[in-house]
């Protein structure tokens, strides 16, 4: 199997509703086993505001995932699900 060079380099500016503007470098890589598929990779420059924003999103998403696990996990003592109370 031979390695293929990236087929495309670009920079994208995206707007996220929580962290605002993100400037990301992109690379499009052809998959060696399937030329009809492409893997897109998005990277923030080290030390950039975009890298910091991605770190914030990552920690926020991880927190949301753990919160969802805690609020919908089955209660082992009663066999029921616990749900977060969303009432005011």
N, C-alpha and C. Protein backbone atom coordinates (compact mmCIF):
# COMPACT_ATOMS: atom_id res chain seq x y z
N UNK A 1 0.85 -1.16 0.00
CA UNK A 1 0.00 0.00 0.00
C UNK A 1 0.91 1.23 0.00
N UNK A 2 0.66 2.14 -0.89
CA UNK A 2 1.53 3.31 -0.97
C UNK A 2 0.83 4.51 -0.34
N UNK A 3 1.64 5.36 0.28
CA UNK A 3 1.13 6.55 0.92
C UNK A 3 0.80 7.60 -0.13
N UNK A 4 -0.27 8.35 0.09
CA UNK A 4 -0.65 9.41 -0.84
C UNK A 4 -0.49 10.75 -0.16
N UNK A 5 -0.06 11.72 -0.90
CA UNK A 5 0.07 13.08 -0.40
C UNK A 5 -1.32 13.70 -0.22
N UNK A 6 -1.42 14.70 0.67
CA UNK A 6 -2.72 15.39 0.78
C UNK A 6 -3.12 15.95 -0.58
N UNK A 7 -4.39 15.88 -0.89
CA UNK A 7 -4.83 16.35 -2.20
C UNK A 7 -5.27 17.80 -2.18
N UNK A 8 -5.42 18.37 -0.98
CA UNK A 8 -5.92 19.73 -0.92
C UNK A 8 -5.53 20.36 0.42
N UNK A 9 -5.03 21.59 0.38
CA UNK A 9 -4.76 22.38 1.58
C UNK A 9 -5.59 23.65 1.46
N UNK A 10 -6.14 24.10 2.56
CA UNK A 10 -6.97 25.30 2.52
C UNK A 10 -7.07 25.86 3.93
N UNK A 11 -7.61 27.04 4.05
CA UNK A 11 -7.93 27.63 5.34
C UNK A 11 -9.40 28.00 5.32
N UNK A 12 -10.09 27.64 6.36
CA UNK A 12 -11.52 27.93 6.48
C UNK A 12 -11.75 28.82 7.69
N UNK A 13 -12.64 29.75 7.56
CA UNK A 13 -13.08 30.57 8.68
C UNK A 13 -14.53 30.19 8.95
N UNK A 14 -14.76 29.68 10.17
CA UNK A 14 -16.09 29.23 10.57
C UNK A 14 -16.57 30.07 11.74
N UNK A 15 -17.86 30.18 11.89
CA UNK A 15 -18.42 30.88 13.05
C UNK A 15 -19.20 29.87 13.89
N UNK A 16 -18.79 29.74 15.15
CA UNK A 16 -19.50 28.86 16.08
C UNK A 16 -20.30 29.73 17.04
N UNK A 17 -21.55 29.36 17.34
CA UNK A 17 -22.40 30.21 18.17
C UNK A 17 -21.90 30.39 19.61
N UNK A 18 -21.07 29.49 20.11
CA UNK A 18 -20.59 29.61 21.48
C UNK A 18 -19.24 30.33 21.55
N UNK A 19 -18.28 29.94 20.70
CA UNK A 19 -16.92 30.49 20.81
C UNK A 19 -16.58 31.50 19.73
N UNK A 20 -17.47 31.71 18.79
CA UNK A 20 -17.23 32.72 17.76
C UNK A 20 -16.42 32.20 16.58
N UNK A 21 -15.58 33.08 16.05
CA UNK A 21 -14.85 32.78 14.82
C UNK A 21 -13.71 31.80 15.06
N UNK A 22 -13.61 30.81 14.19
CA UNK A 22 -12.54 29.83 14.20
C UNK A 22 -11.83 29.87 12.84
N UNK A 23 -10.53 30.01 12.86
CA UNK A 23 -9.75 29.92 11.63
C UNK A 23 -9.01 28.60 11.67
N UNK A 24 -9.34 27.71 10.74
CA UNK A 24 -8.80 26.35 10.76
C UNK A 24 -8.12 26.02 9.44
N UNK A 25 -6.97 25.38 9.53
CA UNK A 25 -6.33 24.83 8.35
C UNK A 25 -7.00 23.51 8.03
N UNK A 26 -7.18 23.24 6.76
CA UNK A 26 -7.81 21.99 6.37
C UNK A 26 -6.90 21.22 5.43
N UNK A 27 -6.99 19.93 5.51
CA UNK A 27 -6.33 19.04 4.57
C UNK A 27 -7.34 17.99 4.14
N UNK A 28 -7.38 17.74 2.86
CA UNK A 28 -8.23 16.68 2.33
C UNK A 28 -7.31 15.54 1.91
N UNK A 29 -7.51 14.38 2.49
CA UNK A 29 -6.65 13.23 2.23
C UNK A 29 -7.45 12.12 1.56
N UNK A 30 -6.92 11.64 0.45
CA UNK A 30 -7.55 10.50 -0.22
C UNK A 30 -7.19 9.24 0.56
N UNK A 31 -8.16 8.38 0.74
CA UNK A 31 -7.90 7.12 1.44
C UNK A 31 -7.30 6.11 0.47
N UNK A 32 -6.18 5.48 0.84
CA UNK A 32 -5.48 4.59 -0.09
C UNK A 32 -6.32 3.43 -0.60
N UNK A 33 -7.19 2.89 0.23
CA UNK A 33 -7.98 1.73 -0.17
C UNK A 33 -9.24 2.07 -0.93
N UNK A 34 -9.63 3.36 -0.96
CA UNK A 34 -10.88 3.74 -1.60
C UNK A 34 -10.76 5.16 -2.16
N UNK A 35 -10.40 5.28 -3.42
CA UNK A 35 -10.18 6.61 -4.01
C UNK A 35 -11.45 7.46 -4.08
N UNK A 36 -12.61 6.87 -3.86
CA UNK A 36 -13.86 7.63 -3.89
C UNK A 36 -14.17 8.29 -2.55
N UNK A 37 -13.35 8.02 -1.52
CA UNK A 37 -13.59 8.61 -0.22
C UNK A 37 -12.46 9.57 0.13
N UNK A 38 -12.80 10.61 0.86
CA UNK A 38 -11.84 11.62 1.27
C UNK A 38 -12.00 11.89 2.76
N UNK A 39 -10.89 11.99 3.47
CA UNK A 39 -10.88 12.32 4.88
C UNK A 39 -10.48 13.79 5.00
N UNK A 40 -11.33 14.59 5.63
CA UNK A 40 -11.03 16.01 5.84
C UNK A 40 -10.56 16.20 7.28
N UNK A 41 -9.44 16.88 7.44
CA UNK A 41 -8.85 17.15 8.74
C UNK A 41 -8.83 18.66 8.95
N UNK A 42 -9.30 19.10 10.11
CA UNK A 42 -9.32 20.52 10.45
C UNK A 42 -8.38 20.74 11.63
N UNK A 43 -7.45 21.70 11.49
CA UNK A 43 -6.45 21.96 12.51
C UNK A 43 -6.37 23.44 12.84
N UNK A 44 -6.24 23.75 14.11
CA UNK A 44 -6.00 25.13 14.53
C UNK A 44 -4.49 25.31 14.72
N UNK A 45 -3.99 26.49 14.41
CA UNK A 45 -2.58 26.77 14.63
C UNK A 45 -2.27 26.74 16.12
N UNK A 46 -1.16 26.12 16.52
CA UNK A 46 -0.79 26.06 17.94
C UNK A 46 -0.69 27.47 18.54
N UNK A 47 -1.28 27.62 19.72
CA UNK A 47 -1.23 28.89 20.42
C UNK A 47 -2.21 29.94 19.93
N UNK A 48 -2.99 29.61 18.92
CA UNK A 48 -3.93 30.59 18.35
C UNK A 48 -5.20 30.68 19.19
N UNK A 49 -5.97 31.74 18.97
CA UNK A 49 -7.27 31.89 19.61
C UNK A 49 -8.19 30.74 19.20
N UNK A 50 -8.05 30.28 17.96
CA UNK A 50 -8.88 29.16 17.49
C UNK A 50 -8.55 27.88 18.25
N UNK A 51 -7.28 27.66 18.55
CA UNK A 51 -6.91 26.48 19.34
C UNK A 51 -7.52 26.56 20.73
N UNK A 52 -7.48 27.74 21.34
CA UNK A 52 -8.09 27.93 22.65
C UNK A 52 -9.60 27.70 22.59
N UNK A 53 -10.24 28.20 21.53
CA UNK A 53 -11.68 28.03 21.37
C UNK A 53 -12.04 26.56 21.21
N UNK A 54 -11.24 25.81 20.46
CA UNK A 54 -11.50 24.37 20.30
C UNK A 54 -11.34 23.64 21.63
N UNK A 55 -10.38 24.07 22.45
CA UNK A 55 -10.20 23.46 23.77
C UNK A 55 -11.42 23.73 24.65
N UNK A 56 -11.96 24.94 24.57
CA UNK A 56 -13.17 25.27 25.33
C UNK A 56 -14.32 24.38 24.88
N UNK A 57 -14.49 24.25 23.55
CA UNK A 57 -15.57 23.40 23.04
C UNK A 57 -15.39 21.95 23.44
N UNK A 58 -14.15 21.49 23.42
CA UNK A 58 -13.86 20.11 23.79
C UNK A 58 -14.23 19.84 25.24
N UNK A 59 -13.83 20.75 26.14
CA UNK A 59 -14.14 20.54 27.55
C UNK A 59 -15.63 20.69 27.81
N UNK A 60 -16.26 21.61 27.10
CA UNK A 60 -17.70 21.80 27.24
C UNK A 60 -18.45 20.55 26.76
N UNK A 61 -18.05 20.02 25.62
CA UNK A 61 -18.69 18.82 25.08
C UNK A 61 -18.47 17.63 26.01
N UNK A 62 -17.26 17.50 26.56
CA UNK A 62 -16.98 16.40 27.49
C UNK A 62 -17.85 16.55 28.73
N UNK A 63 -18.02 17.77 29.22
CA UNK A 63 -18.88 18.01 30.37
C UNK A 63 -20.32 17.67 30.08
N UNK A 64 -20.78 18.02 28.88
CA UNK A 64 -22.15 17.70 28.48
C UNK A 64 -22.34 16.19 28.40
N UNK A 65 -21.36 15.50 27.86
CA UNK A 65 -21.45 14.04 27.73
C UNK A 65 -21.54 13.40 29.11
N UNK A 66 -20.70 13.85 30.04
CA UNK A 66 -20.74 13.28 31.39
C UNK A 66 -22.03 13.65 32.10
N UNK A 67 -22.53 14.86 31.87
CA UNK A 67 -23.80 15.26 32.49
C UNK A 67 -24.93 14.39 31.96
N UNK A 68 -24.92 14.10 30.66
CA UNK A 68 -25.95 13.24 30.10
C UNK A 68 -25.87 11.84 30.69
N UNK A 69 -24.63 11.33 30.91
CA UNK A 69 -24.46 10.01 31.50
C UNK A 69 -25.05 9.97 32.91
N UNK A 70 -24.82 11.04 33.67
CA UNK A 70 -25.30 11.07 35.05
C UNK A 70 -26.82 11.21 35.12
N UNK A 71 -27.39 11.96 34.18
CA UNK A 71 -28.82 12.24 34.30
C UNK A 71 -29.70 11.17 33.69
N UNK A 72 -29.14 10.31 32.87
CA UNK A 72 -29.97 9.27 32.26
C UNK A 72 -29.49 7.86 32.62
N UNK A 73 -28.50 7.78 33.52
CA UNK A 73 -28.00 6.46 33.90
C UNK A 73 -29.05 5.72 34.72
N UNK A 74 -29.18 4.43 34.48
CA UNK A 74 -30.14 3.68 35.27
C UNK A 74 -29.76 3.69 36.75
N UNK A 75 -30.73 3.80 37.62
CA UNK A 75 -30.51 3.72 39.05
C UNK A 75 -30.43 2.24 39.40
N UNK A 76 -29.26 1.79 39.82
CA UNK A 76 -29.06 0.35 40.03
C UNK A 76 -29.89 -0.21 41.18
N UNK A 77 -30.33 0.67 42.10
CA UNK A 77 -31.10 0.18 43.23
C UNK A 77 -32.58 0.00 42.90
N UNK A 78 -33.10 0.83 42.00
CA UNK A 78 -34.52 0.76 41.72
C UNK A 78 -34.83 0.36 40.28
N UNK A 79 -33.81 0.30 39.42
CA UNK A 79 -34.04 -0.08 38.03
C UNK A 79 -34.75 0.98 37.22
N UNK A 80 -34.70 2.23 37.66
CA UNK A 80 -35.34 3.32 36.92
C UNK A 80 -34.28 4.30 36.46
N UNK A 81 -34.66 5.16 35.53
CA UNK A 81 -33.74 6.18 35.06
C UNK A 81 -33.93 7.44 35.87
N UNK A 82 -32.80 8.09 36.16
CA UNK A 82 -32.86 9.41 36.80
C UNK A 82 -32.75 10.44 35.69
N UNK A 83 -33.57 11.45 35.73
CA UNK A 83 -33.53 12.50 34.71
C UNK A 83 -33.34 13.84 35.39
N UNK A 84 -32.66 14.72 34.66
CA UNK A 84 -32.43 16.06 35.17
C UNK A 84 -33.75 16.83 35.22
N UNK A 85 -33.98 17.53 36.31
CA UNK A 85 -35.17 18.35 36.45
C UNK A 85 -34.92 19.65 35.71
N UNK A 86 -35.65 19.90 34.62
CA UNK A 86 -35.46 21.10 33.81
C UNK A 86 -36.47 22.17 34.15
N UNK A 87 -37.34 21.92 35.10
CA UNK A 87 -38.34 22.92 35.48
C UNK A 87 -37.66 24.05 36.24
N UNK A 88 -38.05 25.30 35.93
CA UNK A 88 -37.51 26.53 36.42
C UNK A 88 -37.08 26.56 37.79
